[in-house]
């Protein structure tokens, strides 16, 4: 009888060990799956952060390019307007000279008509 209870006890201990080992392997498997999922989430977050940083940098570069092209366009417009201003000034000086010459000739004609 003592012997049968010792055998039962040893069988029970062995079964408990197998159950514990099985539970431990399941826990390790769940832990491994959780770590795999967590690793995937971290990788996705890193990719998202990198893509957002690159997108932000791309936006900055795009704005810088647009501002540069606007600056160049404004500089061209400014040069063109300065050239037009110089041309108009020279035409104004020429018109003033012509008006002065016309007045002078009219004044001379008026004096000649009086004499």
N, C-alpha and C. Protein backbone atom coordinates (compact mmCIF):
# COMPACT_ATOMS: atom_id res chain seq x y z
N UNK A 1 0.80 -1.17 0.00
CA UNK A 1 0.00 0.00 0.00
C UNK A 1 0.87 1.27 0.00
N UNK A 2 1.90 1.26 0.85
CA UNK A 2 2.82 2.39 0.88
C UNK A 2 3.49 2.56 -0.47
N UNK A 3 3.78 1.44 -1.06
CA UNK A 3 4.44 1.46 -2.34
C UNK A 3 3.51 2.02 -3.42
N UNK A 4 2.27 1.66 -3.41
CA UNK A 4 1.33 2.16 -4.40
C UNK A 4 1.09 3.66 -4.21
N UNK A 5 1.06 4.13 -2.97
CA UNK A 5 0.88 5.56 -2.77
C UNK A 5 2.14 6.31 -3.21
N UNK A 6 3.32 5.70 -3.05
CA UNK A 6 4.56 6.34 -3.51
C UNK A 6 4.58 6.41 -5.04
N UNK A 7 4.10 5.36 -5.70
CA UNK A 7 4.04 5.34 -7.16
C UNK A 7 3.04 6.39 -7.64
N UNK A 8 1.90 6.44 -6.97
CA UNK A 8 0.89 7.43 -7.34
C UNK A 8 1.45 8.84 -7.17
N UNK A 9 2.14 9.02 -6.07
CA UNK A 9 2.74 10.34 -5.81
C UNK A 9 3.77 10.70 -6.88
N UNK A 10 4.62 9.74 -7.23
CA UNK A 10 5.64 10.02 -8.26
C UNK A 10 4.97 10.28 -9.61
N UNK A 11 3.90 9.55 -9.93
CA UNK A 11 3.17 9.77 -11.18
C UNK A 11 2.53 11.16 -11.15
N UNK A 12 1.98 11.53 -9.99
CA UNK A 12 1.36 12.84 -9.84
C UNK A 12 2.41 13.95 -10.01
N UNK A 13 3.58 13.77 -9.42
CA UNK A 13 4.66 14.76 -9.53
C UNK A 13 5.11 14.88 -10.98
N UNK A 14 5.25 13.75 -11.66
CA UNK A 14 5.66 13.77 -13.06
C UNK A 14 4.60 14.47 -13.92
N UNK A 15 3.33 14.18 -13.63
CA UNK A 15 2.25 14.82 -14.39
C UNK A 15 2.23 16.32 -14.13
N UNK A 16 2.43 16.70 -12.86
CA UNK A 16 2.48 18.12 -12.54
C UNK A 16 3.64 18.82 -13.26
N UNK A 17 4.78 18.13 -13.33
CA UNK A 17 5.93 18.69 -14.04
C UNK A 17 5.63 18.86 -15.53
N UNK A 18 4.99 17.84 -16.11
CA UNK A 18 4.64 17.94 -17.53
C UNK A 18 3.63 19.06 -17.78
N UNK A 19 2.66 19.18 -16.89
CA UNK A 19 1.67 20.26 -17.01
C UNK A 19 2.37 21.62 -16.86
N UNK A 20 3.28 21.71 -15.89
CA UNK A 20 4.01 22.96 -15.68
C UNK A 20 4.89 23.28 -16.89
N UNK A 21 5.55 22.25 -17.43
CA UNK A 21 6.39 22.46 -18.62
C UNK A 21 5.53 22.89 -19.81
N UNK A 22 4.37 22.26 -19.95
CA UNK A 22 3.47 22.62 -21.05
C UNK A 22 2.98 24.07 -20.88
N UNK A 23 2.60 24.42 -19.65
CA UNK A 23 2.15 25.79 -19.39
C UNK A 23 3.29 26.78 -19.65
N UNK A 24 4.50 26.39 -19.24
CA UNK A 24 5.66 27.27 -19.46
C UNK A 24 5.94 27.43 -20.95
N UNK A 25 5.83 26.33 -21.71
CA UNK A 25 6.06 26.44 -23.16
C UNK A 25 4.99 27.30 -23.82
N UNK A 26 3.72 27.17 -23.35
CA UNK A 26 2.64 28.02 -23.88
C UNK A 26 2.91 29.48 -23.53
N UNK A 27 3.36 29.73 -22.29
CA UNK A 27 3.66 31.09 -21.86
C UNK A 27 4.81 31.67 -22.70
N UNK A 28 5.83 30.84 -22.93
CA UNK A 28 6.95 31.29 -23.76
C UNK A 28 6.49 31.57 -25.19
N UNK A 29 5.62 30.73 -25.72
CA UNK A 29 5.09 30.93 -27.07
C UNK A 29 4.30 32.23 -27.14
N UNK A 30 3.42 32.48 -26.14
CA UNK A 30 2.66 33.73 -26.10
C UNK A 30 3.60 34.93 -25.97
N UNK A 31 4.62 34.78 -25.14
CA UNK A 31 5.60 35.84 -24.96
C UNK A 31 6.34 36.11 -26.28
N UNK A 32 6.71 35.04 -26.96
CA UNK A 32 7.41 35.18 -28.24
C UNK A 32 6.49 35.84 -29.28
N UNK A 33 5.24 35.43 -29.33
CA UNK A 33 4.28 36.05 -30.26
C UNK A 33 4.07 37.52 -29.91
N UNK A 34 3.95 37.82 -28.62
CA UNK A 34 3.78 39.21 -28.20
C UNK A 34 4.98 40.07 -28.58
N UNK A 35 6.17 39.51 -28.38
CA UNK A 35 7.38 40.24 -28.77
C UNK A 35 7.45 40.45 -30.28
N UNK A 36 7.03 39.45 -31.02
CA UNK A 36 7.00 39.58 -32.48
C UNK A 36 6.03 40.68 -32.90
N UNK A 37 4.85 40.71 -32.29
CA UNK A 37 3.86 41.75 -32.60
C UNK A 37 4.40 43.12 -32.20
N UNK A 38 5.00 43.19 -31.00
CA UNK A 38 5.57 44.45 -30.53
C UNK A 38 6.69 44.93 -31.44
N UNK A 39 7.52 44.01 -31.88
CA UNK A 39 8.60 44.36 -32.81
C UNK A 39 8.02 44.92 -34.12
N UNK A 40 6.97 44.29 -34.62
CA UNK A 40 6.32 44.78 -35.84
C UNK A 40 5.75 46.17 -35.64
N UNK A 41 5.12 46.41 -34.48
CA UNK A 41 4.55 47.73 -34.20
C UNK A 41 5.65 48.78 -34.13
N UNK A 42 6.75 48.44 -33.46
CA UNK A 42 7.87 49.39 -33.35
C UNK A 42 8.45 49.68 -34.73
N UNK A 43 8.61 48.66 -35.56
CA UNK A 43 9.14 48.88 -36.91
C UNK A 43 8.20 49.78 -37.72
N UNK A 44 6.90 49.54 -37.62
CA UNK A 44 5.93 50.37 -38.35
C UNK A 44 5.98 51.81 -37.86
N UNK A 45 6.11 51.98 -36.54
CA UNK A 45 6.18 53.35 -35.99
C UNK A 45 7.44 54.04 -36.46
N UNK A 46 8.55 53.31 -36.51
CA UNK A 46 9.80 53.90 -37.01
C UNK A 46 9.67 54.29 -38.47
N UNK A 47 9.05 53.41 -39.26
CA UNK A 47 8.83 53.72 -40.67
C UNK A 47 7.93 54.93 -40.83
N UNK A 48 6.89 55.00 -40.00
CA UNK A 48 5.98 56.14 -40.05
C UNK A 48 6.71 57.43 -39.68
N UNK A 49 7.50 57.37 -38.60
CA UNK A 49 8.25 58.55 -38.18
C UNK A 49 9.23 58.98 -39.27
N UNK A 50 9.90 58.00 -39.88
CA UNK A 50 10.85 58.31 -40.94
C UNK A 50 10.14 58.90 -42.15
N UNK A 51 9.01 58.31 -42.53
CA UNK A 51 8.29 58.83 -43.69
C UNK A 51 7.75 60.23 -43.40
N UNK A 52 7.28 60.46 -42.16
CA UNK A 52 6.80 61.80 -41.82
C UNK A 52 7.94 62.80 -41.83
N UNK A 53 9.10 62.39 -41.33
CA UNK A 53 10.26 63.28 -41.35
C UNK A 53 10.68 63.58 -42.78
N UNK A 54 10.68 62.53 -43.62
CA UNK A 54 11.06 62.75 -45.02
C UNK A 54 10.02 63.60 -45.73
N UNK A 55 8.75 63.36 -45.43
CA UNK A 55 7.70 64.15 -46.05
C UNK A 55 7.82 65.60 -45.60
N UNK A 56 8.09 65.80 -44.32
CA UNK A 56 8.29 67.16 -43.83
C UNK A 56 9.48 67.81 -44.49
N UNK A 57 10.57 67.07 -44.63
CA UNK A 57 11.76 67.60 -45.30
C UNK A 57 11.45 67.88 -46.76
N UNK A 58 10.68 66.98 -47.38
CA UNK A 58 10.32 67.18 -48.78
C UNK A 58 9.48 68.44 -48.92
N UNK A 59 8.56 68.66 -47.98
CA UNK A 59 7.74 69.87 -48.03
C UNK A 59 8.60 71.11 -47.87
N UNK A 60 9.56 71.04 -46.95
CA UNK A 60 10.46 72.18 -46.75
C UNK A 60 11.24 72.46 -48.02
N UNK A 61 11.77 71.40 -48.63
CA UNK A 61 12.53 71.58 -49.87
C UNK A 61 11.64 72.11 -50.98
N UNK A 62 10.40 71.63 -51.04
CA UNK A 62 9.48 72.11 -52.07
C UNK A 62 9.17 73.59 -51.86
N UNK A 63 8.93 74.00 -50.60
CA UNK A 63 8.68 75.41 -50.31
C UNK A 63 9.91 76.26 -50.62
N UNK A 64 11.09 75.75 -50.28
CA UNK A 64 12.31 76.51 -50.59
C UNK A 64 12.47 76.67 -52.09
N UNK A 65 12.17 75.63 -52.84
CA UNK A 65 12.26 75.71 -54.29
C UNK A 65 11.25 76.72 -54.83
N UNK A 66 10.04 76.70 -54.29
CA UNK A 66 9.01 77.62 -54.76
C UNK A 66 9.40 79.07 -54.42
N UNK A 67 9.91 79.28 -53.20
CA UNK A 67 10.33 80.63 -52.82
C UNK A 67 11.49 81.09 -53.70
N UNK A 68 12.41 80.18 -53.98
CA UNK A 68 13.53 80.53 -54.87
C UNK A 68 13.05 80.91 -56.26
N UNK A 69 12.10 80.15 -56.79
CA UNK A 69 11.60 80.47 -58.13
C UNK A 69 10.83 81.79 -58.11
N UNK A 70 10.08 82.04 -57.02
CA UNK A 70 9.39 83.33 -56.91
C UNK A 70 10.38 84.49 -56.81
N UNK A 71 11.46 84.28 -56.05
CA UNK A 71 12.49 85.32 -55.95
C UNK A 71 13.09 85.60 -57.32
N UNK A 72 13.38 84.55 -58.07
CA UNK A 72 13.96 84.73 -59.39
C UNK A 72 12.97 85.45 -60.31
N UNK A 73 11.70 85.06 -60.22
CA UNK A 73 10.68 85.71 -61.03
C UNK A 73 10.55 87.19 -60.67
N UNK A 74 10.54 87.47 -59.38
CA UNK A 74 10.46 88.88 -58.95
C UNK A 74 11.68 89.67 -59.38
N UNK A 75 12.84 89.04 -59.33
CA UNK A 75 14.06 89.73 -59.78
C UNK A 75 13.98 90.03 -61.27
N UNK A 76 13.48 89.08 -62.07
CA UNK A 76 13.31 89.34 -63.51
C UNK A 76 12.32 90.47 -63.75
N UNK A 77 11.19 90.42 -63.03
CA UNK A 77 10.19 91.49 -63.18
C UNK A 77 10.78 92.84 -62.78
N UNK A 78 11.57 92.86 -61.70
CA UNK A 78 12.18 94.11 -61.25
C UNK A 78 13.14 94.66 -62.30
N UNK A 79 13.97 93.78 -62.88
CA UNK A 79 14.90 94.23 -63.94
C UNK A 79 14.12 94.76 -65.14
N UNK A 80 13.05 94.04 -65.53
CA UNK A 80 12.25 94.49 -66.67
C UNK A 80 11.62 95.85 -66.38
N UNK A 81 11.09 96.02 -65.18
CA UNK A 81 10.46 97.30 -64.83
C UNK A 81 11.50 98.42 -64.77
N UNK A 82 12.69 98.12 -64.28
CA UNK A 82 13.75 99.14 -64.25
C UNK A 82 14.14 99.55 -65.67
N UNK A 83 14.21 98.58 -66.58
CA UNK A 83 14.52 98.89 -67.99
C UNK A 83 13.41 99.76 -68.58
N UNK A 84 12.14 99.40 -68.30
CA UNK A 84 11.03 100.21 -68.80
C UNK A 84 11.06 101.61 -68.21
N UNK A 85 11.41 101.72 -66.93
CA UNK A 85 11.50 103.03 -66.28
C UNK A 85 12.59 103.88 -66.93
N UNK A 86 13.73 103.27 -67.18
CA UNK A 86 14.82 104.01 -67.85
C UNK A 86 14.40 104.46 -69.24
N UNK A 87 13.71 103.58 -69.97
CA UNK A 87 13.24 103.93 -71.31
C UNK A 87 12.24 105.08 -71.23
N UNK A 88 11.29 105.01 -70.28
CA UNK A 88 10.30 106.08 -70.14
C UNK A 88 10.96 107.40 -69.73
N UNK A 89 11.97 107.32 -68.88
CA UNK A 89 12.68 108.55 -68.48
C UNK A 89 13.38 109.18 -69.68
N UNK A 90 14.02 108.33 -70.49
CA UNK A 90 14.70 108.88 -71.67
C UNK A 90 13.68 109.47 -72.66
N UNK A 91 12.52 108.81 -72.79
CA UNK A 91 11.47 109.36 -73.66
C UNK A 91 10.93 110.68 -73.10
N UNK A 92 10.82 110.78 -71.77
CA UNK A 92 10.36 112.02 -71.15
C UNK A 92 11.36 113.15 -71.39
N UNK A 93 12.63 112.86 -71.22
CA UNK A 93 13.66 113.88 -71.46
C UNK A 93 13.62 114.31 -72.93
N UNK A 94 13.47 113.35 -73.82
CA UNK A 94 13.40 113.66 -75.25
C UNK A 94 12.16 114.51 -75.55
N UNK A 95 11.01 114.16 -74.95
CA UNK A 95 9.78 114.93 -75.16
C UNK A 95 9.93 116.35 -74.60
N UNK A 96 10.56 116.47 -73.43
CA UNK A 96 10.79 117.80 -72.86
C UNK A 96 11.70 118.64 -73.77
N UNK A 97 12.72 118.02 -74.32
CA UNK A 97 13.61 118.74 -75.25
C UNK A 97 12.84 119.17 -76.49
N UNK A 98 11.99 118.27 -77.01
CA UNK A 98 11.20 118.62 -78.19
C UNK A 98 10.22 119.75 -77.86
N UNK A 99 9.60 119.69 -76.69
CA UNK A 99 8.67 120.75 -76.29
C UNK A 99 9.39 122.07 -76.14
N UNK A 100 10.57 122.06 -75.57
CA UNK A 100 11.36 123.29 -75.43
C UNK A 100 11.75 123.83 -76.81
N UNK A 101 12.16 122.95 -77.72
CA UNK A 101 12.52 123.39 -79.07
C UNK A 101 11.30 123.96 -79.78
N UNK A 102 10.12 123.33 -79.60
CA UNK A 102 8.89 123.82 -80.22
C UNK A 102 8.51 125.19 -79.66
N UNK A 103 8.61 125.37 -78.35
CA UNK A 103 8.31 126.67 -77.75
C UNK A 103 9.27 127.74 -78.24
N UNK A 104 10.52 127.35 -78.32
CA UNK A 104 11.52 128.31 -78.81
C UNK A 104 11.21 128.72 -80.24
N UNK A 105 10.87 127.75 -81.07
CA UNK A 105 10.58 128.07 -82.47
C UNK A 105 9.29 128.89 -82.58
N UNK A 106 8.30 128.58 -81.75
CA UNK A 106 7.06 129.36 -81.75
C UNK A 106 7.32 130.78 -81.27
N UNK A 107 8.16 130.91 -80.26
CA UNK A 107 8.48 132.26 -79.77
C UNK A 107 9.22 133.05 -80.85
N UNK A 108 10.10 132.41 -81.57
CA UNK A 108 10.82 133.08 -82.65
C UNK A 108 9.87 133.48 -83.77
N UNK A 109 8.95 132.58 -84.11
CA UNK A 109 7.98 132.91 -85.16
C UNK A 109 7.09 134.07 -84.74
N UNK A 110 6.72 134.07 -83.44
CA UNK A 110 5.88 135.16 -82.95
C UNK A 110 6.64 136.47 -82.99
N UNK A 111 7.93 136.46 -82.68
CA UNK A 111 8.71 137.69 -82.74
C UNK A 111 8.88 138.16 -84.19
N UNK A 112 9.09 137.22 -85.07
CA UNK A 112 9.24 137.56 -86.47
C UNK A 112 7.95 138.11 -87.04
N UNK A 113 6.82 137.57 -86.57
CA UNK A 113 5.54 138.08 -87.06
C UNK A 113 5.27 139.48 -86.57
N UNK A 114 5.77 139.81 -85.39
CA UNK A 114 5.58 141.14 -84.85
C UNK A 114 6.50 142.13 -85.56
N UNK A 115 7.56 141.75 -86.04
CA UNK A 115 8.51 142.69 -86.68
C UNK A 115 8.22 142.86 -88.09
